Amino acid sequence: MSRDLPHIIPSPQLRAEETFAVYQAAHEFYHEVRVRSDFKLYCEWHYTTAESHRQELKRMRGEPNIFRWFRRR
């Protein structure tokens, strides 16, 4: 019966240094992905806010200047 079962040979385990190097590379990769994603979101927010401010400034320039009434120039 033992002849019917294949021999199981354990695969060699990675050394601790190799395991840590793989973990470190994966950690740095996901950190870089997170940083780039956060930066992209910040840029989108910045452009949206800047466009909103441009439109608000355009509306304000069309309104009458109330402070001019209080100055005597």
C-alpha atoms as a PDB file:
ATOM      1  CA  MET A   1       0.000   0.000   0.000  1.00  0.00           C
ATOM      2  CA  SER A   2       2.835   2.416   0.697  1.00  0.00           C
ATOM      3  CA  ARG A   3       3.980   1.888  -2.898  1.00  0.00           C
ATOM      4  CA  ASP A   4       0.728   3.420  -4.174  1.00  0.00           C
ATOM      5  CA  LEU A   5       1.276   6.738  -2.356  1.00  0.00           C
ATOM      6  CA  PRO A   6       3.759   9.165  -3.897  1.00  0.00           C
ATOM      7  CA  HIS A   7       6.581  10.389  -1.760  1.00  0.00           C
ATOM      8  CA  ILE A   8       6.032  13.885  -0.482  1.00  0.00           C
ATOM      9  CA  ILE A   9       9.113  16.022  -0.600  1.00  0.00           C
ATOM     10  CA  PRO A  10       8.818  19.333   1.176  1.00  0.00           C
ATOM     11  CA  SER A  11       9.773  22.336  -0.896  1.00  0.00           C
ATOM     12  CA  PRO A  12      12.767  24.280   0.368  1.00  0.00           C
ATOM     13  CA  GLN A  13      11.813  27.194   2.564  1.00  0.00           C
ATOM     14  CA  LEU A  14      13.014  30.677   1.755  1.00  0.00           C
ATOM     15  CA  ARG A  15      15.540  32.113   4.094  1.00  0.00           C
ATOM     16  CA  ALA A  16      14.480  34.902   6.406  1.00  0.00           C
ATOM     17  CA  GLU A  17      16.379  37.532   4.408  1.00  0.00           C
ATOM     18  CA  GLU A  18      14.646  36.561   1.177  1.00  0.00           C
ATOM     19  CA  THR A  19      11.257  36.542   2.877  1.00  0.00           C
ATOM     20  CA  PHE A  20      11.882  39.978   4.353  1.00  0.00           C
ATOM     21  CA  ALA A  21      13.095  41.328   0.996  1.00  0.00           C
ATOM     22  CA  VAL A  22       9.898  40.152  -0.705  1.00  0.00           C
ATOM     23  CA  TYR A  23       7.790  41.684   2.080  1.00  0.00           C
ATOM     24  CA  GLN A  24       9.719  44.967   1.897  1.00  0.00           C
ATOM     25  CA  ALA A  25       9.319  45.187  -1.881  1.00  0.00           C
ATOM     26  CA  ALA A  26       5.568  44.531  -1.630  1.00  0.00           C
ATOM     27  CA  HIS A  27       5.234  47.076   1.175  1.00  0.00           C
ATOM     28  CA  GLU A  28       7.084  49.760  -0.816  1.00  0.00           C
ATOM     29  CA  PHE A  29       5.007  49.009  -3.910  1.00  0.00           C
ATOM     30  CA  TYR A  30       1.672  49.386  -2.112  1.00  0.00           C
ATOM     31  CA  HIS A  31       2.935  52.497  -0.347  1.00  0.00           C
ATOM     32  CA  GLU A  32       3.841  54.032  -3.720  1.00  0.00           C
ATOM     33  CA  VAL A  33       0.418  53.105  -5.132  1.00  0.00           C
ATOM     34  CA  ARG A  34      -1.295  54.726  -2.133  1.00  0.00           C
ATOM     35  CA  VAL A  35       0.829  57.895  -2.390  1.00  0.00           C
ATOM     36  CA  ARG A  36       0.147  58.270  -6.119  1.00  0.00           C
ATOM     37  CA  SER A  37      -3.565  57.669  -5.608  1.00  0.00           C
ATOM     38  CA  ASP A  38      -3.719  60.267  -2.829  1.00  0.00           C
ATOM     39  CA  PHE A  39      -1.808  62.752  -4.996  1.00  0.00           C
ATOM     40  CA  LYS A  40      -4.192  62.182  -7.913  1.00  0.00           C
ATOM     41  CA  LEU A  41      -7.188  62.807  -5.636  1.00  0.00           C
ATOM     42  CA  TYR A  42      -5.526  65.968  -4.294  1.00  0.00           C
ATOM     43  CA  CYS A  43      -4.876  67.254  -7.831  1.00  0.00           C
ATOM     44  CA  GLU A  44      -8.477  66.610  -8.839  1.00  0.00           C
ATOM     45  CA  TRP A  45      -9.683  68.449  -5.723  1.00  0.00           C
ATOM     46  CA  HIS A  46      -7.284  71.331  -6.424  1.00  0.00           C
ATOM     47  CA  TYR A  47      -8.421  71.767 -10.042  1.00  0.00           C
ATOM     48  CA  THR A  48     -12.090  71.595  -9.055  1.00  0.00           C
ATOM     49  CA  THR A  49     -11.604  74.149  -6.275  1.00  0.00           C
ATOM     50  CA  ALA A  50      -9.574  76.457  -8.526  1.00  0.00           C
ATOM     51  CA  GLU A  51     -12.277  76.389 -11.215  1.00  0.00           C
ATOM     52  CA  SER A  52     -14.917  77.146  -8.584  1.00  0.00           C
ATOM     53  CA  HIS A  53     -12.851  80.105  -7.359  1.00  0.00           C
ATOM     54  CA  ARG A  54     -12.413  81.400 -10.919  1.00  0.00           C
ATOM     55  CA  GLN A  55     -16.166  81.330 -11.473  1.00  0.00           C
ATOM     56  CA  GLU A  56     -16.785  83.036  -8.134  1.00  0.00           C
ATOM     57  CA  LEU A  57     -14.258  85.769  -8.973  1.00  0.00           C
ATOM     58  CA  LYS A  58     -15.918  86.310 -12.352  1.00  0.00           C
ATOM     59  CA  ARG A  59     -19.301  86.753 -10.635  1.00  0.00           C
ATOM     60  CA  MET A  60     -17.797  89.112  -8.047  1.00  0.00           C
ATOM     61  CA  ARG A  61     -16.228  91.291 -10.752  1.00  0.00           C
ATOM     62  CA  GLY A  62     -19.666  91.724 -12.311  1.00  0.00           C
ATOM     63  CA  GLU A  63     -21.223  92.957  -9.062  1.00  0.00           C
ATOM     64  CA  PRO A  64     -21.134  96.667  -8.115  1.00  0.00           C
ATOM     65  CA  ASN A  65     -18.333  97.695  -5.751  1.00  0.00           C
ATOM     66  CA  ILE A  66     -20.030  98.803  -2.514  1.00  0.00           C
ATOM     67  CA  PHE A  67     -16.789 100.019  -0.916  1.00  0.00           C
ATOM     68  CA  ARG A  68     -16.457 102.678  -3.591  1.00  0.00           C
ATOM     69  CA  TRP A  69     -19.560 104.361  -2.163  1.00  0.00           C
ATOM     70  CA  PHE A  70     -17.842 104.891   1.192  1.00  0.00           C
ATOM     71  CA  ARG A  71     -14.666 106.321  -0.274  1.00  0.00           C
ATOM     72  CA  ARG A  72     -14.729 109.912  -1.492  1.00  0.00           C
ATOM     73  CA  ARG A  73     -12.412 109.547  -4.428  1.00  0.00           C
END
